[in-house]
Amino acid sequence: MNKRIEINKYIVADPEICHGKPTFKGTRIMVWQILQMLAQGENEKSIHKAFPSLNTSHVKAALEYASTLTQENYVIVNTYPQISH
């Protein structure tokens, strides 16, 4: 069963949106896009200019989500069903 997963207050993974990649609620903006912009040295002002629907809380949520991916014993949830053989 495919289902929407709320990762945090601002981020969801929904198999019906962007192939299940984490996005910001109510948008098709993928979290990796914001993280990539930050990694390339962009600041919040330029992120807001590119994505006016996002604010500081969205950027912080993306960073918090990224940090959880590197924590010990973190499990990544697959929103697609496993195929039984």
PDB file of N, CA and C in Angstrom:
ATOM      1  N   MET A   1       0.831  -1.183   0.000  1.00  0.00           N
ATOM      2  CA  MET A   1       0.000   0.000   0.000  1.00  0.00           C
ATOM      3  C   MET A   1       0.875   1.245   0.000  1.00  0.00           C
ATOM      4  N   ASN A   2       0.642   2.140  -0.947  1.00  0.00           N
ATOM      5  CA  ASN A   2       1.354   3.412  -0.990  1.00  0.00           C
ATOM      6  C   ASN A   2       0.667   4.366  -0.034  1.00  0.00           C
ATOM      7  N   LYS A   3       1.454   5.074   0.755  1.00  0.00           N
ATOM      8  CA  LYS A   3       0.832   6.024   1.657  1.00  0.00           C
ATOM      9  C   LYS A   3       1.730   7.234   1.878  1.00  0.00           C
ATOM     10  N   ARG A   4       1.097   8.313   2.241  1.00  0.00           N
ATOM     11  CA  ARG A   4       1.790   9.562   2.538  1.00  0.00           C
ATOM     12  C   ARG A   4       2.391   9.460   3.934  1.00  0.00           C
ATOM     13  N   ILE A   5       3.631   9.889   4.055  1.00  0.00           N
ATOM     14  CA  ILE A   5       4.316   9.874   5.341  1.00  0.00           C
ATOM     15  C   ILE A   5       4.724  11.298   5.694  1.00  0.00           C
ATOM     16  N   GLU A   6       4.340  11.730   6.888  1.00  0.00           N
ATOM     17  CA  GLU A   6       4.741  13.047   7.367  1.00  0.00           C
ATOM     18  C   GLU A   6       6.085  12.895   8.058  1.00  0.00           C
ATOM     19  N   ILE A   7       7.090  13.492   7.465  1.00  0.00           N
ATOM     20  CA  ILE A   7       8.443  13.394   8.005  1.00  0.00           C
ATOM     21  C   ILE A   7       8.618  14.352   9.172  1.00  0.00           C
ATOM     22  N   ASN A   8       8.121  15.559   9.006  1.00  0.00           N
ATOM     23  CA  ASN A   8       8.077  16.536  10.095  1.00  0.00           C
ATOM     24  C   ASN A   8       6.970  17.540   9.768  1.00  0.00           C
ATOM     25  N   LYS A   9       6.892  18.612  10.502  1.00  0.00           N
ATOM     26  CA  LYS A   9       5.804  19.586  10.340  1.00  0.00           C
ATOM     27  C   LYS A   9       5.736  20.168   8.927  1.00  0.00           C
ATOM     28  N   TYR A  10       6.845  20.209   8.225  1.00  0.00           N
ATOM     29  CA  TYR A  10       6.916  20.863   6.919  1.00  0.00           C
ATOM     30  C   TYR A  10       7.165  19.926   5.743  1.00  0.00           C
ATOM     31  N   ILE A  11       7.595  18.711   6.014  1.00  0.00           N
ATOM     32  CA  ILE A  11       8.037  17.813   4.947  1.00  0.00           C
ATOM     33  C   ILE A  11       7.224  16.514   4.936  1.00  0.00           C
ATOM     34  N   VAL A  12       6.850  16.100   3.731  1.00  0.00           N
ATOM     35  CA  VAL A  12       6.135  14.833   3.549  1.00  0.00           C
ATOM     36  C   VAL A  12       6.789  14.028   2.426  1.00  0.00           C
ATOM     37  N   ALA A  13       6.524  12.735   2.445  1.00  0.00           N
ATOM     38  CA  ALA A  13       6.892  11.857   1.339  1.00  0.00           C
ATOM     39  C   ALA A  13       5.595  11.197   0.899  1.00  0.00           C
ATOM     40  N   ASP A  14       5.178  11.481  -0.313  1.00  0.00           N
ATOM     41  CA  ASP A  14       3.911  10.975  -0.838  1.00  0.00           C
ATOM     42  C   ASP A  14       4.176  10.363  -2.202  1.00  0.00           C
ATOM     43  N   PRO A  15       3.882   9.086  -2.375  1.00  0.00           N
ATOM     44  CA  PRO A  15       4.161   8.446  -3.663  1.00  0.00           C
ATOM     45  C   PRO A  15       3.419   9.089  -4.831  1.00  0.00           C
ATOM     46  N   GLU A  16       2.402   9.883  -4.549  1.00  0.00           N
ATOM     47  CA  GLU A  16       1.646  10.571  -5.600  1.00  0.00           C
ATOM     48  C   GLU A  16       2.266  11.916  -5.986  1.00  0.00           C
ATOM     49  N   ILE A  17       3.281  12.349  -5.228  1.00  0.00           N
ATOM     50  CA  ILE A  17       3.920  13.643  -5.478  1.00  0.00           C
ATOM     51  C   ILE A  17       5.416  13.428  -5.683  1.00  0.00           C
ATOM     52  N   CYS A  18       5.915  13.825  -6.835  1.00  0.00           N
ATOM     53  CA  CYS A  18       7.346  13.753  -7.144  1.00  0.00           C
ATOM     54  C   CYS A  18       7.934  12.366  -6.873  1.00  0.00           C
ATOM     55  N   HIS A  19       7.192  11.330  -7.232  1.00  0.00           N
ATOM     56  CA  HIS A  19       7.654   9.939  -7.109  1.00  0.00           C
ATOM     57  C   HIS A  19       8.031   9.566  -5.676  1.00  0.00           C
ATOM     58  N   GLY A  20       7.405  10.209  -4.699  1.00  0.00           N
ATOM     59  CA  GLY A  20       7.658   9.865  -3.301  1.00  0.00           C
ATOM     60  C   GLY A  20       8.854  10.534  -2.679  1.00  0.00           C
ATOM     61  N   LYS A  21       9.551  11.369  -3.432  1.00  0.00           N
ATOM     62  CA  LYS A  21      10.691  12.083  -2.843  1.00  0.00           C
ATOM     63  C   LYS A  21      10.167  13.079  -1.807  1.00  0.00           C
ATOM     64  N   PRO A  22      10.901  13.320  -0.730  1.00  0.00           N
ATOM     65  CA  PRO A  22      10.439  14.277   0.271  1.00  0.00           C
ATOM     66  C   PRO A  22      10.239  15.670  -0.342  1.00  0.00           C
ATOM     67  N   THR A  23       9.063  16.233  -0.093  1.00  0.00           N
ATOM     68  CA  THR A  23       8.708  17.569  -0.571  1.00  0.00           C
ATOM     69  C   THR A  23       8.158  18.378   0.593  1.00  0.00           C
ATOM     70  N   PHE A  24       8.092  19.671   0.390  1.00  0.00           N
ATOM     71  CA  PHE A  24       7.478  20.531   1.396  1.00  0.00           C
ATOM     72  C   PHE A  24       5.967  20.460   1.233  1.00  0.00           C
ATOM     73  N   LYS A  25       5.254  20.318   2.353  1.00  0.00           N
ATOM     74  CA  LYS A  25       3.802  20.169   2.325  1.00  0.00           C
ATOM     75  C   LYS A  25       3.158  21.238   1.459  1.00  0.00           C
ATOM     76  N   GLY A  26       2.220  20.801   0.641  1.00  0.00           N
ATOM     77  CA  GLY A  26       1.465  21.720  -0.197  1.00  0.00           C
ATOM     78  C   GLY A  26       2.210  22.221  -1.415  1.00  0.00           C
ATOM     79  N   THR A  27       3.396  21.666  -1.676  1.00  0.00           N
ATOM     80  CA  THR A  27       4.189  22.101  -2.827  1.00  0.00           C
ATOM     81  C   THR A  27       4.719  20.879  -3.567  1.00  0.00           C
ATOM     82  N   ARG A  28       5.349  21.127  -4.682  1.00  0.00           N
ATOM     83  CA  ARG A  28       6.090  20.086  -5.390  1.00  0.00           C
ATOM     84  C   ARG A  28       7.589  20.401  -5.314  1.00  0.00           C
ATOM     85  N   ILE A  29       7.960  21.187  -4.326  1.00  0.00           N
ATOM     86  CA  ILE A  29       9.357  21.555  -4.118  1.00  0.00           C
ATOM     87  C   ILE A  29      10.010  20.437  -3.317  1.00  0.00           C
ATOM     88  N   MET A  30      11.023  19.828  -3.912  1.00  0.00           N
ATOM     89  CA  MET A  30      11.696  18.717  -3.256  1.00  0.00           C
ATOM     90  C   MET A  30      12.773  19.226  -2.299  1.00  0.00           C
ATOM     91  N   VAL A  31      12.870  18.563  -1.172  1.00  0.00           N
ATOM     92  CA  VAL A  31      13.815  18.956  -0.131  1.00  0.00           C
ATOM     93  C   VAL A  31      15.238  18.990  -0.676  1.00  0.00           C
ATOM     94  N   TRP A  32      15.587  18.028  -1.526  1.00  0.00           N
ATOM     95  CA  TRP A  32      16.957  17.991  -2.043  1.00  0.00           C
ATOM     96  C   TRP A  32      17.296  19.272  -2.798  1.00  0.00           C
ATOM     97  N   GLN A  33      16.304  19.910  -3.417  1.00  0.00           N
ATOM     98  CA  GLN A  33      16.575  21.147  -4.158  1.00  0.00           C
ATOM     99  C   GLN A  33      17.077  22.242  -3.225  1.00  0.00           C
ATOM    100  N   ILE A  34      16.462  22.355  -2.064  1.00  0.00           N
ATOM    101  CA  ILE A  34      16.864  23.379  -1.097  1.00  0.00           C
ATOM    102  C   ILE A  34      18.217  23.029  -0.499  1.00  0.00           C
ATOM    103  N   LEU A  35      18.410  21.764  -0.180  1.00  0.00           N
ATOM    104  CA  LEU A  35      19.706  21.347   0.377  1.00  0.00           C
ATOM    105  C   LEU A  35      20.826  21.587  -0.629  1.00  0.00           C
ATOM    106  N   GLN A  36      20.561  21.314  -1.880  1.00  0.00           N
ATOM    107  CA  GLN A  36      21.565  21.554  -2.919  1.00  0.00           C
ATOM    108  C   GLN A  36      21.877  23.044  -3.043  1.00  0.00           C
ATOM    109  N   MET A  37      20.855  23.871  -2.980  1.00  0.00           N
ATOM    110  CA  MET A  37      21.088  25.319  -3.046  1.00  0.00           C
ATOM    111  C   MET A  37      21.961  25.777  -1.881  1.00  0.00           C
ATOM    112  N   LEU A  38      21.671  25.272  -0.687  1.00  0.00           N
ATOM    113  CA  LEU A  38      22.479  25.626   0.482  1.00  0.00           C
ATOM    114  C   LEU A  38      23.916  25.147   0.313  1.00  0.00           C
ATOM    115  N   ALA A  39      24.079  23.938  -0.199  1.00  0.00           N
ATOM    116  CA  ALA A  39      25.422  23.389  -0.410  1.00  0.00           C
ATOM    117  C   ALA A  39      26.214  24.209  -1.423  1.00  0.00           C
ATOM    118  N   GLN A  40      25.508  24.837  -2.356  1.00  0.00           N
ATOM    119  CA  GLN A  40      26.163  25.661  -3.369  1.00  0.00           C
ATOM    120  C   GLN A  40      26.389  27.091  -2.898  1.00  0.00           C
ATOM    121  N   GLY A  41      26.061  27.345  -1.616  1.00  0.00           N
ATOM    122  CA  GLY A  41      26.333  28.658  -1.048  1.00  0.00           C
ATOM    123  C   GLY A  41      25.197  29.660  -1.125  1.00  0.00           C
ATOM    124  N   GLU A  42      24.049  29.219  -1.584  1.00  0.00           N
ATOM    125  CA  GLU A  42      22.900  30.138  -1.637  1.00  0.00           C
ATOM    126  C   GLU A  42      22.445  30.455  -0.218  1.00  0.00           C
ATOM    127  N   ASN A  43      21.865  31.634  -0.035  1.00  0.00           N
ATOM    128  CA  ASN A  43      21.347  32.009   1.276  1.00  0.00           C
ATOM    129  C   ASN A  43      19.817  31.940   1.259  1.00  0.00           C
ATOM    130  N   GLU A  44      19.213  32.167   2.417  1.00  0.00           N
ATOM    131  CA  GLU A  44      17.756  32.071   2.520  1.00  0.00           C
ATOM    132  C   GLU A  44      17.052  33.083   1.620  1.00  0.00           C
ATOM    133  N   LYS A  45      17.644  34.236   1.437  1.00  0.00           N
ATOM    134  CA  LYS A  45      17.031  35.254   0.579  1.00  0.00           C
ATOM    135  C   LYS A  45      16.917  34.750  -0.856  1.00  0.00           C
ATOM    136  N   SER A  46      17.969  34.123  -1.362  1.00  0.00           N
ATOM    137  CA  SER A  46      17.921  33.622  -2.732  1.00  0.00           C
ATOM    138  C   SER A  46      16.992  32.410  -2.845  1.00  0.00           C
ATOM    139  N   ILE A  47      16.910  31.616  -1.789  1.00  0.00           N
ATOM    140  CA  ILE A  47      15.978  30.489  -1.784  1.00  0.00           C
ATOM    141  C   ILE A  47      14.547  31.008  -1.818  1.00  0.00           C
ATOM    142  N   HIS A  48      14.267  32.012  -1.008  1.00  0.00           N
ATOM    143  CA  HIS A  48      12.919  32.585  -0.990  1.00  0.00           C
ATOM    144  C   HIS A  48      12.573  33.218  -2.343  1.00  0.00           C
ATOM    145  N   LYS A  49      13.553  33.811  -2.982  1.00  0.00           N
ATOM    146  CA  LYS A  49      13.309  34.409  -4.300  1.00  0.00           C
ATOM    147  C   LYS A  49      12.963  33.320  -5.324  1.00  0.00           C
ATOM    148  N   ALA A  50      13.667  32.195  -5.252  1.00  0.00           N
ATOM    149  CA  ALA A  50      13.409  31.085  -6.175  1.00  0.00           C
ATOM    150  C   ALA A  50      12.123  30.342  -5.832  1.00  0.00           C
ATOM    151  N   PHE A  51      11.818  30.266  -4.532  1.00  0.00           N
ATOM    152  CA  PHE A  51      10.643  29.532  -4.052  1.00  0.00           C
ATOM    153  C   PHE A  51       9.907  30.397  -3.023  1.00  0.00           C
ATOM    154  N   PRO A  52       9.097  31.361  -3.479  1.00  0.00           N
ATOM    155  CA  PRO A  52       8.442  32.304  -2.573  1.00  0.00           C
ATOM    156  C   PRO A  52       7.540  31.674  -1.511  1.00  0.00           C
ATOM    157  N   SER A  53       7.090  30.450  -1.737  1.00  0.00           N
ATOM    158  CA  SER A  53       6.202  29.817  -0.758  1.00  0.00           C
ATOM    159  C   SER A  53       6.959  29.260   0.450  1.00  0.00           C
ATOM    160  N   LEU A  54       8.288  29.236   0.385  1.00  0.00           N
ATOM    161  CA  LEU A  54       9.083  28.724   1.500  1.00  0.00           C
ATOM    162  C   LEU A  54       9.572  29.847   2.385  1.00  0.00           C
ATOM    163  N   ASN A  55       9.735  29.541   3.670  1.00  0.00           N
ATOM    164  CA  ASN A  55      10.256  30.532   4.612  1.00  0.00           C
ATOM    165  C   ASN A  55      11.391  29.904   5.425  1.00  0.00           C
ATOM    166  N   THR A  56      11.872  30.628   6.398  1.00  0.00           N
ATOM    167  CA  THR A  56      12.990  30.169   7.224  1.00  0.00           C
ATOM    168  C   THR A  56      12.696  28.818   7.876  1.00  0.00           C
ATOM    169  N   SER A  57      11.462  28.624   8.316  1.00  0.00           N
ATOM    170  CA  SER A  57      11.100  27.360   8.967  1.00  0.00           C
ATOM    171  C   SER A  57      11.235  26.176   8.016  1.00  0.00           C
ATOM    172  N   HIS A  58      10.922  26.373   6.746  1.00  0.00           N
ATOM    173  CA  HIS A  58      11.076  25.304   5.755  1.00  0.00           C
ATOM    174  C   HIS A  58      12.548  24.948   5.577  1.00  0.00           C
ATOM    175  N   VAL A  59      13.389  25.958   5.488  1.00  0.00           N
ATOM    176  CA  VAL A  59      14.826  25.721   5.310  1.00  0.00           C
ATOM    177  C   VAL A  59      15.383  24.981   6.523  1.00  0.00           C
ATOM    178  N   LYS A  60      14.999  25.396   7.718  1.00  0.00           N
ATOM    179  CA  LYS A  60      15.456  24.718   8.933  1.00  0.00           C
ATOM    180  C   LYS A  60      14.961  23.282   8.971  1.00  0.00           C
ATOM    181  N   ALA A  61      13.719  23.056   8.547  1.00  0.00           N
ATOM    182  CA  ALA A  61      13.167  21.699   8.521  1.00  0.00           C
ATOM    183  C   ALA A  61      13.967  20.817   7.565  1.00  0.00           C
ATOM    184  N   ALA A  62      14.381  21.378   6.429  1.00  0.00           N
ATOM    185  CA  ALA A  62      15.184  20.622   5.469  1.00  0.00           C
ATOM    186  C   ALA A  62      16.532  20.243   6.080  1.00  0.00           C
ATOM    187  N   LEU A  63      17.153  21.170   6.770  1.00  0.00           N
ATOM    188  CA  LEU A  63      18.443  20.885   7.408  1.00  0.00           C
ATOM    189  C   LEU A  63      18.297  19.852   8.524  1.00  0.00           C
ATOM    190  N   GLU A  64      17.229  19.953   9.303  1.00  0.00           N
ATOM    191  CA  GLU A  64      16.992  18.974  10.361  1.00  0.00           C
ATOM    192  C   GLU A  64      16.759  17.589   9.763  1.00  0.00           C
ATOM    193  N   TYR A  65      16.001  17.530   8.684  1.00  0.00           N
ATOM    194  CA  TYR A  65      15.756  16.253   8.016  1.00  0.00           C
ATOM    195  C   TYR A  65      17.070  15.666   7.499  1.00  0.00           C
ATOM    196  N   ALA A  66      17.876  16.486   6.866  1.00  0.00           N
ATOM    197  CA  ALA A  66      19.162  16.003   6.348  1.00  0.00           C
ATOM    198  C   ALA A  66      20.050  15.492   7.481  1.00  0.00           C
ATOM    199  N   SER A  67      20.023  16.161   8.617  1.00  0.00           N
ATOM    200  CA  SER A  67      20.865  15.709   9.728  1.00  0.00           C
ATOM    201  C   SER A  67      20.398  14.361  10.262  1.00  0.00           C
ATOM    202  N   THR A  68      19.097  14.089  10.230  1.00  0.00           N
ATOM    203  CA  THR A  68      18.613  12.792  10.713  1.00  0.00           C
ATOM    204  C   THR A  68      19.070  11.650   9.809  1.00  0.00           C
ATOM    205  N   LEU A  69      19.313  11.952   8.539  1.00  0.00           N
ATOM    206  CA  LEU A  69      19.754  10.903   7.620  1.00  0.00           C
ATOM    207  C   LEU A  69      21.134  10.366   7.965  1.00  0.00           C
ATOM    208  N   THR A  70      21.902  11.145   8.700  1.00  0.00           N
ATOM    209  CA  THR A  70      23.256  10.711   9.040  1.00  0.00           C
ATOM    210  C   THR A  70      23.375  10.197  10.472  1.00  0.00           C
ATOM    211  N   GLN A  71      22.284  10.243  11.204  1.00  0.00           N
ATOM    212  CA  GLN A  71      22.326   9.769  12.587  1.00  0.00           C
ATOM    213  C   GLN A  71      22.366   8.242  12.621  1.00  0.00           C
ATOM    214  N   GLU A  72      22.999   7.746  13.634  1.00  0.00           N
ATOM    215  CA  GLU A  72      23.100   6.292  13.810  1.00  0.00           C
ATOM    216  C   GLU A  72      21.713   5.676  13.961  1.00  0.00           C
ATOM    217  N   ASN A  73      21.528   4.527  13.322  1.00  0.00           N
ATOM    218  CA  ASN A  73      20.291   3.745  13.402  1.00  0.00           C
ATOM    219  C   ASN A  73      19.080   4.416  12.768  1.00  0.00           C
ATOM    220  N   TYR A  74      19.272   5.351  11.870  1.00  0.00           N
ATOM    221  CA  TYR A  74      18.140   5.977  11.197  1.00  0.00           C
ATOM    222  C   TYR A  74      17.625   5.048  10.104  1.00  0.00           C
ATOM    223  N   VAL A  75      16.318   4.943   9.994  1.00  0.00           N
ATOM    224  CA  VAL A  75      15.701   4.087   8.986  1.00  0.00           C
ATOM    225  C   VAL A  75      15.009   4.965   7.963  1.00  0.00           C
ATOM    226  N   ILE A  76      15.327   4.761   6.682  1.00  0.00           N
ATOM    227  CA  ILE A  76      14.655   5.481   5.616  1.00  0.00           C
ATOM    228  C   ILE A  76      13.411   4.687   5.248  1.00  0.00           C
ATOM    229  N   VAL A  77      12.272   5.358   5.225  1.00  0.00           N
ATOM    230  CA  VAL A  77      11.004   4.694   4.948  1.00  0.00           C
ATOM    231  C   VAL A  77      10.751   4.672   3.453  1.00  0.00           C
ATOM    232  N   ASN A  78      10.482   3.486   2.920  1.00  0.00           N
ATOM    233  CA  ASN A  78      10.149   3.327   1.508  1.00  0.00           C
ATOM    234  C   ASN A  78       8.632   3.430   1.380  1.00  0.00           C
ATOM    235  N   THR A  79       8.145   4.404   0.633  1.00  0.00           N
ATOM    236  CA  THR A  79       6.705   4.604   0.478  1.00  0.00           C
ATOM    237  C   THR A  79       6.114   3.733  -0.622  1.00  0.00           C
ATOM    238  N   TYR A  80       6.964   2.965  -1.311  1.00  0.00           N
ATOM    239  CA  TYR A  80       6.478   2.057  -2.348  1.00  0.00           C
ATOM    240  C   TYR A  80       6.376   0.649  -1.784  1.00  0.00           C
ATOM    241  N   PRO A  81       5.368  -0.099  -2.210  1.00  0.00           N
ATOM    242  CA  PRO A  81       5.190  -1.449  -1.670  1.00  0.00           C
ATOM    243  C   PRO A  81       6.292  -2.395  -2.138  1.00  0.00           C
ATOM    244  N   GLN A  82       6.591  -3.368  -1.316  1.00  0.00           N
ATOM    245  CA  GLN A  82       7.555  -4.394  -1.675  1.00  0.00           C
ATOM    246  C   GLN A  82       6.838  -5.431  -2.537  1.00  0.00           C
ATOM    247  N   ILE A  83       7.507  -5.908  -3.556  1.00  0.00           N
ATOM    248  CA  ILE A  83       6.934  -6.920  -4.433  1.00  0.00           C
ATOM    249  C   ILE A  83       7.206  -8.286  -3.842  1.00  0.00           C
ATOM    250  N   SER A  84       6.158  -9.061  -3.635  1.00  0.00           N
ATOM    251  CA  SER A  84       6.300 -10.415  -3.084  1.00  0.00           C
ATOM    252  C   SER A  84       6.542 -11.395  -4.226  1.00  0.00           C
ATOM    253  N   HIS A  85       7.427 -12.315  -3.988  1.00  0.00           N
ATOM    254  CA  HIS A  85       7.725 -13.349  -4.997  1.00  0.00           C
ATOM    255  C   HIS A  85       7.136 -14.656  -4.584  1.00  0.00           C
TER     256      HIS A  85
END
